[in-house]
Protein backbone atom coordinates (compact mmCIF):
# COMPACT_ATOMS: atom_id res chain seq x y z
CA MET A 1 -16.41 17.95 5.67
CA SER A 2 -17.71 14.68 4.30
CA THR A 3 -15.96 14.50 0.95
CA GLN A 4 -12.43 13.53 -0.08
CA LEU A 5 -10.12 16.37 -1.06
CA ARG A 6 -8.92 16.11 -4.65
CA LEU A 7 -7.23 19.49 -5.06
CA ILE A 8 -5.21 21.61 -2.62
CA VAL A 9 -4.15 25.00 -3.98
CA GLY A 10 -1.67 27.27 -2.26
CA LEU A 11 -1.81 30.93 -3.25
CA GLY A 12 1.25 33.07 -3.88
CA ASN A 13 3.24 34.92 -6.51
CA PRO A 14 5.84 33.20 -8.72
CA GLY A 15 9.48 34.21 -8.87
CA SER A 16 12.34 34.31 -6.39
CA GLU A 17 11.65 37.97 -5.55
CA HIS A 18 8.30 36.95 -4.02
CA ALA A 19 9.29 33.63 -2.45
CA GLN A 20 9.80 34.95 1.10
CA THR A 21 6.94 37.46 1.20
CA ARG A 22 3.88 37.15 3.45
CA HIS A 23 1.59 36.81 0.42
CA ASN A 24 3.31 33.51 -0.38
CA ALA A 25 2.29 31.75 2.84
CA GLY A 26 0.06 29.44 0.78
CA PHE A 27 3.12 28.32 -1.19
CA TRP A 28 5.01 27.75 2.07
CA PHE A 29 2.22 25.46 3.24
CA LEU A 30 2.23 23.40 0.05
CA ASP A 31 6.02 23.14 0.01
CA SER A 32 5.91 21.82 3.56
CA LEU A 33 3.12 19.36 2.70
CA ALA A 34 4.92 18.07 -0.40
CA GLU A 35 8.07 17.56 1.68
CA ARG A 36 6.11 15.50 4.23
CA LEU A 37 4.62 13.44 1.40
CA SER A 38 8.02 13.03 -0.34
CA ILE A 39 6.67 14.35 -3.64
CA ASN A 40 8.05 17.13 -5.85
CA PHE A 41 6.42 19.93 -7.78
CA ILE A 42 6.81 19.91 -11.56
CA PRO A 43 5.96 22.86 -13.83
CA ASP A 44 2.89 22.23 -16.01
CA LYS A 45 2.30 24.89 -18.67
CA ARG A 46 -1.10 23.44 -19.53
CA PHE A 47 -2.42 24.46 -16.12
CA GLN A 48 -0.03 27.43 -15.61
CA SER A 49 1.03 25.81 -12.34
CA GLU A 50 3.57 23.79 -10.48
CA LEU A 51 1.83 20.50 -9.71
CA CYS A 52 2.34 17.26 -7.87
CA ARG A 53 -0.04 14.40 -7.23
CA TYR A 54 -0.44 12.45 -4.02
CA GLN A 55 -1.88 8.96 -4.42
CA ASN A 56 -2.10 6.55 -1.50
CA ASP A 57 -4.79 3.94 -0.87
CA ALA A 58 -8.09 5.79 -1.45
CA VAL A 59 -6.36 9.18 -1.75
CA ASP A 60 -5.88 10.88 -5.11
CA CYS A 61 -5.18 14.57 -4.65
CA TRP A 62 -3.43 17.25 -6.70
CA LEU A 63 -1.27 19.88 -5.01
CA CYS A 64 -1.11 23.10 -7.03
CA LYS A 65 0.91 26.31 -6.87
CA PRO A 66 -0.45 28.62 -9.60
CA GLN A 67 2.35 30.31 -11.55
CA THR A 68 0.18 33.20 -12.63
CA TYR A 69 0.25 36.18 -10.31
CA MET A 70 -2.02 36.19 -7.28
CA ASN A 71 -4.80 38.19 -8.94
CA ASP A 72 -5.08 35.56 -11.70
CA SER A 73 -5.09 32.49 -9.42
CA GLY A 74 -8.51 31.41 -10.69
CA THR A 75 -7.11 30.53 -14.12
CA ALA A 76 -5.25 27.48 -12.80
CA VAL A 77 -8.05 26.45 -10.43
CA GLN A 78 -10.67 26.70 -13.18
CA ALA A 79 -8.54 24.69 -15.63
CA LEU A 80 -7.81 21.90 -13.13
CA THR A 81 -11.36 21.58 -11.84
CA ARG A 82 -12.78 21.44 -15.35
CA TYR A 83 -10.24 18.96 -16.71
CA TYR A 84 -10.40 16.59 -13.74
CA LYS A 85 -14.09 17.28 -12.99
CA ILE A 86 -13.39 18.21 -9.37
CA PRO A 87 -16.46 19.40 -7.40
CA ILE A 88 -16.25 22.62 -5.41
CA ASP A 89 -16.44 20.83 -2.05
CA GLN A 90 -13.34 18.75 -2.88
CA ILE A 91 -11.12 21.82 -3.19
CA LEU A 92 -9.02 23.40 -0.43
CA ILE A 93 -7.52 26.84 -1.01
CA VAL A 94 -4.66 27.81 1.32
CA HIS A 95 -3.93 31.53 1.61
CA ASP A 96 -2.48 34.29 3.78
CA GLU A 97 -4.95 36.11 6.03
CA ILE A 98 -4.33 39.58 7.46
CA ASP A 99 -7.32 39.32 9.82
CA LEU A 100 -5.72 36.51 11.85
CA ASN A 101 -2.84 36.83 14.28
CA VAL A 102 0.57 35.79 13.01
CA GLY A 103 0.86 32.00 12.86
CA ASN A 104 -2.78 31.35 13.70
CA LEU A 105 -4.45 29.04 11.15
CA ARG A 106 -8.19 28.70 10.69
CA PHE A 107 -10.36 26.52 8.46
CA LYS A 108 -13.63 27.69 6.95
CA ILE A 109 -16.01 26.83 4.13
CA GLY A 110 -17.26 29.50 1.74
CA GLY A 111 -17.59 33.20 2.40
CA GLY A 112 -16.32 36.29 0.62
CA HIS A 113 -12.82 37.12 -0.55
CA GLY A 114 -12.01 39.60 2.23
CA GLY A 115 -9.95 41.72 -0.13
CA ASN A 116 -7.68 38.83 -1.14
CA ASN A 117 -7.33 39.15 -4.91
CA GLY A 118 -6.46 35.47 -5.32
CA LEU A 119 -9.69 34.38 -3.65
CA LYS A 120 -11.64 36.99 -5.59
CA ASP A 121 -10.35 35.67 -8.92
CA ILE A 122 -11.06 32.05 -7.95
CA ILE A 123 -14.63 32.91 -6.96
CA ASP A 124 -15.12 34.85 -10.21
CA LYS A 125 -13.73 32.11 -12.47
CA VAL A 126 -15.05 29.03 -10.69
CA GLY A 127 -18.38 30.74 -10.12
CA ASP A 128 -18.92 29.39 -6.61
CA PRO A 129 -17.46 30.64 -3.29
CA ASN A 130 -18.24 27.46 -1.36
CA PHE A 131 -14.81 25.88 -1.48
CA ASN A 132 -12.81 24.99 1.64
CA ARG A 133 -10.25 27.49 2.83
CA LEU A 134 -7.26 27.27 5.15
CA ARG A 135 -6.35 30.78 6.28
CA ILE A 136 -2.80 31.39 7.46
CA GLY A 137 -2.57 34.35 9.80
CA ILE A 138 0.07 36.91 8.88
CA GLY A 139 -1.20 39.76 11.06
CA HIS A 140 -2.40 43.21 10.03
CA PRO A 141 -0.17 46.26 9.48
CA GLY A 142 -2.66 48.43 11.39
CA ALA A 143 -3.83 50.65 8.53
CA VAL A 144 -5.67 49.80 5.32
CA ASP A 145 -3.32 51.87 3.16
CA LYS A 146 -0.37 49.79 4.34
CA VAL A 147 -1.85 46.37 3.47
CA VAL A 148 -0.46 46.02 -0.07
CA SER A 149 3.14 46.80 0.85
CA TYR A 150 2.78 44.69 4.01
CA VAL A 151 1.71 41.48 2.25
CA LEU A 152 4.29 41.97 -0.52
CA ASN A 153 7.17 42.29 1.92
CA LYS A 154 9.03 39.74 4.00
CA PRO A 155 7.90 39.14 7.58
CA SER A 156 10.26 39.72 10.47
CA ASP A 157 12.27 36.70 11.59
CA VAL A 158 9.95 36.27 14.59
CA ASP A 159 6.82 36.49 12.45
CA LYS A 160 8.18 34.03 9.90
CA TYR A 161 9.08 31.61 12.70
CA ASN A 162 5.52 31.84 14.06
CA ILE A 163 3.92 31.39 10.62
CA LEU A 164 6.04 28.30 9.94
CA ALA A 165 5.31 27.00 13.44
CA GLY A 166 1.58 27.30 12.72
CA ILE A 167 2.03 25.43 9.44
CA ASN A 168 4.04 22.73 11.22
CA ASN A 169 1.22 22.28 13.74
CA ILE A 170 -1.05 21.35 10.83
CA MET A 171 1.63 19.12 9.30
CA ASP A 172 1.78 17.02 12.46
CA GLY A 173 -1.66 15.70 11.50
CA TYR A 174 -1.46 16.10 7.73
CA GLU A 175 -3.08 12.69 7.11
CA ASN A 176 -6.35 14.23 8.30
CA LEU A 177 -6.32 16.50 5.25
CA PHE A 178 -6.87 13.44 3.07
CA HIS A 179 -9.20 11.39 5.21
CA ASN A 180 -12.20 13.62 5.78
CA HIS A 181 -10.99 14.86 9.17
CA ILE A 182 -10.24 18.51 8.45
CA GLU A 183 -12.48 19.76 11.25
CA GLU A 184 -10.72 17.45 13.70
CA LEU A 185 -7.37 18.68 12.48
CA MET A 186 -8.41 22.31 12.86
CA ASN A 187 -9.90 21.75 16.32
CA GLN A 188 -6.57 20.30 17.43
CA ASN A 189 -4.80 23.27 15.90
CA ASN A 190 -7.17 25.79 17.52
CA LYS A 191 -6.52 24.30 20.95
CA LYS A 192 -2.79 24.83 20.43
CA ASN A 193 -3.47 28.47 19.50
CA LYS A 194 -5.88 29.54 22.23
CA THR A 195 -3.93 32.72 22.88
CA ASN A 196 -4.52 33.83 19.30
């Protein structure tokens, strides 16, 4: 990726009842990143989000946790990208991914929504699927009819440990997120997760 990230969005559902569910892995990632950067999220009704801004040298990037529900995630992304005139290739969406093993993280650019309603709404409202994605593996329940209850429930202690360990692997090189080295960061991560 050759452009500077200006917006990182973690997907999840608001409210304490959802905080520990698999579907909120995107929020977990952003909370961890904000902690590393020593910045705090502040509610912003204008963008229906919790926001914080990281500025350092040439870096100027918003971190966003939409406070709509998952299936309306595009509302916040659309509002932020329009107001701050952020191009599609300067956006990173971080979300849970049932088609990856637990704790395995993968970076990709573009593609479909894979049944993730947050991604689907972002694609619909932004009008372009070619944003960057960081997919956080939460594993698959084994049957399609179990997916909804699976993502909306808490992971086992072991699974949560592995998800957070995968996030921490990325955090060890978080500077690369802001300095055009995402592929390098993900290659390092993939080497650590060869068994996945």
